[in-house]
Amino acid sequence: MKPYKITLKKGTIRHLQKYIAQKCKEWNFEDETLHEKLLLLTEEVGELIHACRKISGMNLDTKRKTTAQVEEEMADVIMISFDVADKLGVDIEKEFFKKSKIIDERKYKRATKSKY
């Protein structure tokens, strides 16, 4: 039996980008500057990293309350990334398929681990 191959229909990512742009308008985020959006994206990436630290068992500050959930923070990062793309006029779907093609042509091999 052949392995099942997942495909992505064109228009799906573009539809999500338009949907997120619409939601950002509803949430009154359309007037934020690019700088403000990038600061927010950086903040959300930090929260995602903190949530990942929490589930990985790394040491955390015991005085800091951690309520971040990986799933929620991942959604925040995706939404804000799409919002930044919209602000810059970037068609994420077009760029995604273009970059995927480049990656498909690359060959990857795990590097030898260092002693560190």
N, C-alpha and C. Protein backbone atom coordinates (compact mmCIF):
# COMPACT_ATOMS: atom_id res chain seq x y z
N MET A 1 0.84 -1.18 0.00
CA MET A 1 0.00 0.00 0.00
C MET A 1 0.89 1.25 0.00
N LYS A 2 0.55 2.20 -0.86
CA LYS A 2 1.31 3.45 -0.94
C LYS A 2 1.00 4.33 0.26
N PRO A 3 2.01 5.06 0.75
CA PRO A 3 1.74 5.98 1.87
C PRO A 3 0.82 7.11 1.40
N TYR A 4 -0.07 7.51 2.28
CA TYR A 4 -1.00 8.59 1.99
C TYR A 4 -0.24 9.91 1.95
N LYS A 5 -0.42 10.64 0.89
CA LYS A 5 0.26 11.93 0.74
C LYS A 5 -0.76 13.06 0.95
N ILE A 6 -0.44 13.94 1.85
CA ILE A 6 -1.31 15.08 2.13
C ILE A 6 -1.00 16.18 1.13
N THR A 7 -2.02 16.74 0.55
CA THR A 7 -1.84 17.87 -0.37
C THR A 7 -2.57 19.08 0.18
N LEU A 8 -2.16 20.23 -0.28
CA LEU A 8 -2.77 21.48 0.17
C LEU A 8 -3.36 22.17 -1.05
N LYS A 9 -4.65 22.44 -0.98
CA LYS A 9 -5.31 23.12 -2.09
C LYS A 9 -4.91 24.58 -2.13
N LYS A 10 -4.66 25.07 -3.32
CA LYS A 10 -4.39 26.50 -3.46
C LYS A 10 -5.66 27.25 -3.09
N GLY A 11 -5.48 28.36 -2.44
CA GLY A 11 -6.61 29.17 -2.00
C GLY A 11 -6.88 29.02 -0.52
N THR A 12 -6.42 27.92 0.07
CA THR A 12 -6.68 27.66 1.48
C THR A 12 -5.94 28.64 2.39
N ILE A 13 -4.65 28.83 2.14
CA ILE A 13 -3.86 29.75 2.96
C ILE A 13 -4.31 31.18 2.71
N ARG A 14 -4.57 31.51 1.46
CA ARG A 14 -5.03 32.86 1.12
C ARG A 14 -6.35 33.16 1.84
N HIS A 15 -7.23 32.17 1.89
CA HIS A 15 -8.51 32.34 2.58
C HIS A 15 -8.27 32.60 4.07
N LEU A 16 -7.35 31.84 4.67
CA LEU A 16 -7.03 32.05 6.09
C LEU A 16 -6.45 33.44 6.30
N GLN A 17 -5.59 33.90 5.40
CA GLN A 17 -5.00 35.23 5.53
C GLN A 17 -6.09 36.30 5.48
N LYS A 18 -7.04 36.15 4.57
CA LYS A 18 -8.13 37.12 4.48
C LYS A 18 -9.02 37.07 5.72
N TYR A 19 -9.25 35.86 6.22
CA TYR A 19 -10.07 35.70 7.42
C TYR A 19 -9.41 36.40 8.61
N ILE A 20 -8.11 36.18 8.79
CA ILE A 20 -7.39 36.81 9.90
C ILE A 20 -7.40 38.33 9.75
N ALA A 21 -7.24 38.83 8.52
CA ALA A 21 -7.30 40.28 8.30
C ALA A 21 -8.66 40.84 8.71
N GLN A 22 -9.71 40.11 8.37
CA GLN A 22 -11.07 40.52 8.74
C GLN A 22 -11.23 40.53 10.26
N LYS A 23 -10.74 39.48 10.93
CA LYS A 23 -10.84 39.41 12.39
C LYS A 23 -10.05 40.54 13.05
N CYS A 24 -8.88 40.86 12.51
CA CYS A 24 -8.06 41.95 13.07
C CYS A 24 -8.80 43.28 12.98
N LYS A 25 -9.55 43.47 11.90
CA LYS A 25 -10.36 44.69 11.79
C LYS A 25 -11.46 44.69 12.84
N GLU A 26 -12.11 43.54 13.02
CA GLU A 26 -13.17 43.42 14.03
C GLU A 26 -12.62 43.68 15.43
N TRP A 27 -11.39 43.27 15.68
CA TRP A 27 -10.77 43.43 16.99
C TRP A 27 -10.09 44.80 17.13
N ASN A 28 -10.23 45.66 16.14
CA ASN A 28 -9.65 47.01 16.13
C ASN A 28 -8.12 47.01 16.16
N PHE A 29 -7.51 46.06 15.45
CA PHE A 29 -6.05 45.98 15.36
C PHE A 29 -5.51 46.57 14.07
N GLU A 30 -6.40 47.02 13.16
CA GLU A 30 -5.91 47.45 11.84
C GLU A 30 -5.08 48.72 11.88
N ASP A 31 -5.19 49.52 12.93
CA ASP A 31 -4.43 50.77 13.01
C ASP A 31 -3.05 50.60 13.64
N GLU A 32 -2.73 49.38 14.08
CA GLU A 32 -1.41 49.16 14.66
C GLU A 32 -0.34 49.32 13.59
N THR A 33 0.77 49.92 13.98
CA THR A 33 1.88 50.09 13.04
C THR A 33 2.60 48.76 12.85
N LEU A 34 3.44 48.71 11.82
CA LEU A 34 4.25 47.52 11.60
C LEU A 34 5.13 47.26 12.83
N HIS A 35 5.70 48.32 13.36
CA HIS A 35 6.55 48.20 14.55
C HIS A 35 5.78 47.57 15.71
N GLU A 36 4.57 48.04 15.95
CA GLU A 36 3.75 47.49 17.04
C GLU A 36 3.42 46.02 16.81
N LYS A 37 3.09 45.69 15.56
CA LYS A 37 2.77 44.30 15.23
C LYS A 37 3.99 43.39 15.44
N LEU A 38 5.17 43.87 15.06
CA LEU A 38 6.38 43.07 15.24
C LEU A 38 6.73 42.90 16.71
N LEU A 39 6.51 43.94 17.51
CA LEU A 39 6.72 43.82 18.96
C LEU A 39 5.78 42.77 19.55
N LEU A 40 4.53 42.81 19.12
CA LEU A 40 3.55 41.83 19.60
C LEU A 40 3.93 40.42 19.17
N LEU A 41 4.39 40.27 17.93
CA LEU A 41 4.81 38.95 17.44
C LEU A 41 5.97 38.42 18.28
N THR A 42 6.93 39.29 18.57
CA THR A 42 8.08 38.89 19.40
C THR A 42 7.62 38.45 20.79
N GLU A 43 6.68 39.20 21.35
CA GLU A 43 6.14 38.86 22.67
C GLU A 43 5.47 37.48 22.64
N GLU A 44 4.67 37.23 21.61
CA GLU A 44 3.97 35.96 21.51
C GLU A 44 4.93 34.79 21.27
N VAL A 45 5.98 35.00 20.49
CA VAL A 45 6.99 33.95 20.30
C VAL A 45 7.64 33.64 21.64
N GLY A 46 7.92 34.67 22.43
CA GLY A 46 8.48 34.46 23.77
C GLY A 46 7.54 33.65 24.65
N GLU A 47 6.24 33.93 24.58
CA GLU A 47 5.27 33.18 25.37
C GLU A 47 5.20 31.73 24.90
N LEU A 48 5.31 31.51 23.59
CA LEU A 48 5.33 30.15 23.06
C LEU A 48 6.55 29.39 23.58
N ILE A 49 7.69 30.05 23.54
CA ILE A 49 8.92 29.42 24.04
C ILE A 49 8.79 29.08 25.52
N HIS A 50 8.21 30.00 26.29
CA HIS A 50 8.03 29.75 27.72
C HIS A 50 7.10 28.55 27.94
N ALA A 51 6.03 28.47 27.16
CA ALA A 51 5.10 27.34 27.28
C ALA A 51 5.80 26.03 26.91
N CYS A 52 6.66 26.06 25.91
CA CYS A 52 7.42 24.86 25.52
C CYS A 52 8.40 24.47 26.62
N ARG A 53 9.01 25.45 27.25
CA ARG A 53 9.91 25.16 28.39
C ARG A 53 9.12 24.45 29.49
N LYS A 54 7.92 24.91 29.72
CA LYS A 54 7.09 24.35 30.79
C LYS A 54 6.80 22.87 30.52
N ILE A 55 6.42 22.53 29.30
CA ILE A 55 6.07 21.13 29.02
C ILE A 55 7.29 20.24 28.83
N SER A 56 8.46 20.85 28.60
CA SER A 56 9.66 20.04 28.39
C SER A 56 10.33 19.65 29.70
N GLY A 57 9.88 20.24 30.79
CA GLY A 57 10.45 19.91 32.08
C GLY A 57 11.66 20.75 32.46
N MET A 58 11.93 21.82 31.71
CA MET A 58 13.06 22.70 32.04
C MET A 58 12.77 23.45 33.34
N ASN A 59 13.82 23.93 33.96
CA ASN A 59 13.66 24.75 35.16
C ASN A 59 12.95 26.04 34.81
N LEU A 60 12.02 26.42 35.68
CA LEU A 60 11.27 27.67 35.51
C LEU A 60 11.31 28.45 36.81
N ASP A 61 11.12 29.74 36.70
CA ASP A 61 11.04 30.61 37.87
C ASP A 61 9.80 30.22 38.67
N THR A 62 9.98 29.77 39.90
CA THR A 62 8.86 29.29 40.71
C THR A 62 7.94 30.43 41.16
N LYS A 63 8.43 31.66 41.13
CA LYS A 63 7.61 32.81 41.53
C LYS A 63 6.75 33.33 40.38
N ARG A 64 7.10 32.93 39.17
CA ARG A 64 6.36 33.41 37.99
C ARG A 64 5.23 32.43 37.68
N LYS A 65 4.02 32.95 37.63
CA LYS A 65 2.88 32.10 37.31
C LYS A 65 2.89 31.83 35.81
N THR A 66 2.83 30.56 35.45
CA THR A 66 2.85 30.18 34.05
C THR A 66 1.51 29.57 33.68
N THR A 67 0.75 30.29 32.87
CA THR A 67 -0.54 29.77 32.42
C THR A 67 -0.55 29.51 30.92
N ALA A 68 0.52 29.86 30.27
CA ALA A 68 0.58 29.74 28.81
C ALA A 68 0.44 28.29 28.36
N GLN A 69 -0.36 28.09 27.35
CA GLN A 69 -0.54 26.78 26.74
C GLN A 69 0.08 26.81 25.35
N VAL A 70 0.79 25.77 24.99
CA VAL A 70 1.48 25.72 23.70
C VAL A 70 0.50 25.97 22.56
N GLU A 71 -0.64 25.30 22.58
CA GLU A 71 -1.61 25.42 21.49
C GLU A 71 -2.08 26.87 21.30
N GLU A 72 -2.41 27.51 22.41
CA GLU A 72 -2.89 28.88 22.36
C GLU A 72 -1.81 29.84 21.86
N GLU A 73 -0.60 29.66 22.35
CA GLU A 73 0.49 30.54 21.93
C GLU A 73 0.86 30.32 20.47
N MET A 74 0.78 29.07 20.01
CA MET A 74 1.04 28.77 18.60
C MET A 74 0.02 29.49 17.72
N ALA A 75 -1.24 29.46 18.12
CA ALA A 75 -2.28 30.16 17.37
C ALA A 75 -2.02 31.66 17.34
N ASP A 76 -1.59 32.23 18.47
CA ASP A 76 -1.27 33.65 18.52
C ASP A 76 -0.15 34.00 17.54
N VAL A 77 0.90 33.18 17.52
CA VAL A 77 2.04 33.43 16.62
C VAL A 77 1.59 33.38 15.16
N ILE A 78 0.76 32.39 14.83
CA ILE A 78 0.28 32.27 13.44
C ILE A 78 -0.57 33.48 13.07
N MET A 79 -1.52 33.84 13.95
CA MET A 79 -2.40 34.97 13.63
C MET A 79 -1.61 36.26 13.45
N ILE A 80 -0.68 36.53 14.33
CA ILE A 80 0.07 37.78 14.23
C ILE A 80 1.01 37.75 13.04
N SER A 81 1.58 36.59 12.73
CA SER A 81 2.43 36.47 11.53
C SER A 81 1.62 36.79 10.27
N PHE A 82 0.41 36.28 10.19
CA PHE A 82 -0.46 36.58 9.05
C PHE A 82 -0.82 38.06 9.03
N ASP A 83 -1.05 38.64 10.20
CA ASP A 83 -1.38 40.07 10.29
C ASP A 83 -0.21 40.93 9.82
N VAL A 84 1.00 40.55 10.19
CA VAL A 84 2.20 41.27 9.73
C VAL A 84 2.31 41.16 8.22
N ALA A 85 2.09 39.96 7.69
CA ALA A 85 2.16 39.76 6.24
C ALA A 85 1.14 40.64 5.53
N ASP A 86 -0.05 40.72 6.09
CA ASP A 86 -1.09 41.56 5.50
C ASP A 86 -0.68 43.03 5.50
N LYS A 87 -0.09 43.47 6.60
CA LYS A 87 0.39 44.86 6.71
C LYS A 87 1.45 45.15 5.65
N LEU A 88 2.28 44.15 5.34
CA LEU A 88 3.36 44.32 4.36
C LEU A 88 2.92 44.01 2.93
N GLY A 89 1.68 43.56 2.76
CA GLY A 89 1.19 43.22 1.43
C GLY A 89 1.78 41.92 0.89
N VAL A 90 2.16 41.03 1.79
CA VAL A 90 2.76 39.75 1.38
C VAL A 90 1.65 38.71 1.22
N ASP A 91 1.64 38.04 0.08
CA ASP A 91 0.72 36.93 -0.17
C ASP A 91 1.39 35.67 0.40
N ILE A 92 0.97 35.27 1.59
CA ILE A 92 1.62 34.15 2.27
C ILE A 92 1.50 32.87 1.45
N GLU A 93 0.35 32.65 0.86
CA GLU A 93 0.18 31.41 0.08
C GLU A 93 1.18 31.34 -1.07
N LYS A 94 1.29 32.41 -1.81
CA LYS A 94 2.23 32.45 -2.94
C LYS A 94 3.65 32.18 -2.45
N GLU A 95 4.04 32.86 -1.38
CA GLU A 95 5.40 32.71 -0.85
C GLU A 95 5.61 31.33 -0.23
N PHE A 96 4.56 30.78 0.36
CA PHE A 96 4.66 29.44 0.95
C PHE A 96 4.95 28.40 -0.12
N PHE A 97 4.19 28.43 -1.21
CA PHE A 97 4.40 27.44 -2.27
C PHE A 97 5.74 27.65 -2.97
N LYS A 98 6.13 28.91 -3.13
CA LYS A 98 7.43 29.20 -3.74
C LYS A 98 8.56 28.65 -2.87
N LYS A 99 8.49 28.90 -1.57
CA LYS A 99 9.53 28.43 -0.65
C LYS A 99 9.50 26.90 -0.52
N SER A 100 8.31 26.31 -0.52
CA SER A 100 8.20 24.85 -0.44
C SER A 100 8.91 24.17 -1.60
N LYS A 101 8.78 24.76 -2.77
CA LYS A 101 9.43 24.21 -3.96
C LYS A 101 10.96 24.25 -3.79
N ILE A 102 11.47 25.35 -3.26
CA ILE A 102 12.91 25.48 -3.02
C ILE A 102 13.38 24.43 -2.02
N ILE A 103 12.62 24.26 -0.94
CA ILE A 103 12.98 23.29 0.10
C ILE A 103 12.92 21.86 -0.45
N ASP A 104 11.92 21.59 -1.30
CA ASP A 104 11.79 20.25 -1.90
C ASP A 104 13.04 19.86 -2.69
N GLU A 105 13.73 20.83 -3.23
CA GLU A 105 14.90 20.56 -4.05
C GLU A 105 16.19 20.42 -3.23
N ARG A 106 16.12 20.72 -1.96
CA ARG A 106 17.30 20.60 -1.09
C ARG A 106 17.44 19.18 -0.57
N LYS A 107 18.63 18.85 -0.16
CA LYS A 107 18.92 17.57 0.49
C LYS A 107 19.35 17.88 1.92
N TYR A 108 18.75 17.20 2.86
CA TYR A 108 19.07 17.45 4.27
C TYR A 108 19.68 16.22 4.91
N LYS A 109 20.58 16.45 5.82
CA LYS A 109 21.23 15.38 6.58
C LYS A 109 21.56 15.95 7.95
N ARG A 110 21.27 15.18 8.97
CA ARG A 110 21.55 15.64 10.33
C ARG A 110 23.05 15.79 10.53
N ALA A 111 23.44 16.93 11.09
CA ALA A 111 24.85 17.21 11.36
C ALA A 111 25.33 16.35 12.53
N THR A 112 26.61 16.13 12.57
CA THR A 112 27.20 15.39 13.69
C THR A 112 27.13 16.27 14.93
N LYS A 113 26.67 15.67 16.02
CA LYS A 113 26.55 16.43 17.27
C LYS A 113 27.93 16.74 17.82
N SER A 114 28.05 17.94 18.37
CA SER A 114 29.31 18.32 19.00
C SER A 114 29.33 17.80 20.44
N LYS A 115 30.44 17.94 21.08
CA LYS A 115 30.56 17.48 22.47
C LYS A 115 29.85 18.42 23.44
N TYR A 116 29.37 19.56 22.97
CA TYR A 116 28.71 20.52 23.84
C TYR A 116 27.28 20.20 23.90
